[in-house]
Amino acid sequence: MPAPPATRPAIPREHWVRFKTELPLDAATSAVVYASDGRMVRTLWESHPAKAGVSEIVWDTGDDAGRRVPAGKYELRILQN
């Protein structure tokens, strides 16, 4: 698993979550995590070029401020830009 970015506090790896996703075509994408109440929790990336096919995304369960989010249900949305 990759290390968390240096600009964010480290969250222990046992709390990280993996998502598998499939993109039908090459495209610029953005990835955002939402809480079950619809609130945006974390932007993982914006306008990043991605290749078609299956890929794995790792989220360190941190919010945009670097704090670990509470246990609950979260949704990853991949947007094609």
Protein backbone atom coordinates (compact mmCIF):
# COMPACT_ATOMS: atom_id res chain seq x y z
CA MET A 1 0.00 0.00 0.00
CA PRO A 2 1.29 3.50 -0.73
CA ALA A 3 2.29 5.79 2.12
CA PRO A 4 -0.02 8.73 2.88
CA PRO A 5 0.99 12.05 1.31
CA ALA A 6 3.57 13.96 3.37
CA THR A 7 1.27 16.98 3.69
CA ARG A 8 -1.37 15.03 5.66
CA PRO A 9 -1.18 13.50 9.12
CA ALA A 10 -0.58 9.75 8.96
CA ILE A 11 -3.60 7.57 9.73
CA PRO A 12 -2.70 4.00 10.71
CA ARG A 13 -2.98 1.66 7.74
CA GLU A 14 -5.37 -0.71 9.50
CA HIS A 15 -8.04 2.00 9.05
CA TRP A 16 -7.48 2.43 5.30
CA VAL A 17 -10.17 1.28 2.85
CA ARG A 18 -9.74 -0.14 -0.66
CA PHE A 19 -12.24 0.35 -3.49
CA LYS A 20 -12.20 -1.37 -6.87
CA THR A 21 -13.61 0.54 -9.80
CA GLU A 22 -13.88 0.07 -13.55
CA LEU A 23 -13.68 2.84 -16.13
CA PRO A 24 -15.04 1.96 -19.59
CA LEU A 25 -12.91 4.55 -21.47
CA ASP A 26 -9.77 6.62 -20.91
CA ALA A 27 -10.91 9.88 -19.32
CA ALA A 28 -10.04 12.68 -16.94
CA THR A 29 -11.63 11.78 -13.60
CA SER A 30 -12.25 13.16 -10.14
CA ALA A 31 -12.85 11.02 -7.05
CA VAL A 32 -14.83 12.18 -4.04
CA VAL A 33 -15.93 10.38 -0.85
CA TYR A 34 -19.37 11.15 0.59
CA ALA A 35 -20.89 10.28 3.97
CA SER A 36 -24.26 8.50 4.11
CA ASP A 37 -25.99 11.85 4.79
CA GLY A 38 -24.72 13.18 1.42
CA ARG A 39 -22.02 15.38 2.92
CA MET A 40 -18.75 15.53 0.95
CA VAL A 41 -15.98 14.18 3.18
CA ARG A 42 -12.88 14.02 1.00
CA THR A 43 -11.72 14.89 -2.49
CA LEU A 44 -9.18 12.25 -3.45
CA TRP A 45 -8.24 13.89 -6.76
CA GLU A 46 -9.55 16.26 -9.41
CA SER A 47 -9.19 16.11 -13.21
CA HIS A 48 -6.70 13.24 -13.13
CA PRO A 49 -6.17 11.30 -16.39
CA ALA A 50 -7.18 7.66 -15.95
CA LYS A 51 -6.89 4.64 -18.23
CA ALA A 52 -9.84 2.39 -19.07
CA GLY A 53 -10.08 -0.79 -17.03
CA VAL A 54 -10.19 -1.95 -13.44
CA SER A 55 -8.23 -0.04 -10.81
CA GLU A 56 -7.92 -0.02 -7.06
CA ILE A 57 -8.28 3.15 -5.02
CA VAL A 58 -6.99 3.41 -1.46
CA TRP A 59 -8.57 5.91 0.94
CA ASP A 60 -6.85 6.54 4.26
CA THR A 61 -10.27 7.31 5.88
CA GLY A 62 -9.26 10.91 6.44
CA ASP A 63 -11.37 13.95 5.61
CA ASP A 64 -10.12 16.98 3.66
CA ALA A 65 -8.66 18.41 6.90
CA GLY A 66 -6.67 15.21 7.58
CA ARG A 67 -8.83 14.00 10.47
CA ARG A 68 -9.94 10.38 10.56
CA VAL A 69 -13.67 10.10 9.88
CA PRO A 70 -15.94 8.23 12.30
CA ALA A 71 -17.04 4.67 11.53
CA GLY A 72 -20.00 4.58 9.17
CA LYS A 73 -21.08 4.13 5.57
CA TYR A 74 -19.28 6.10 2.89
CA GLU A 75 -19.64 6.24 -0.87
CA LEU A 76 -16.87 6.78 -3.40
CA ARG A 77 -17.97 8.62 -6.53
CA ILE A 78 -15.77 8.66 -9.62
CA LEU A 79 -16.71 11.51 -11.93
CA GLN A 80 -15.72 11.67 -15.57
CA ASN A 81 -14.68 15.26 -16.36
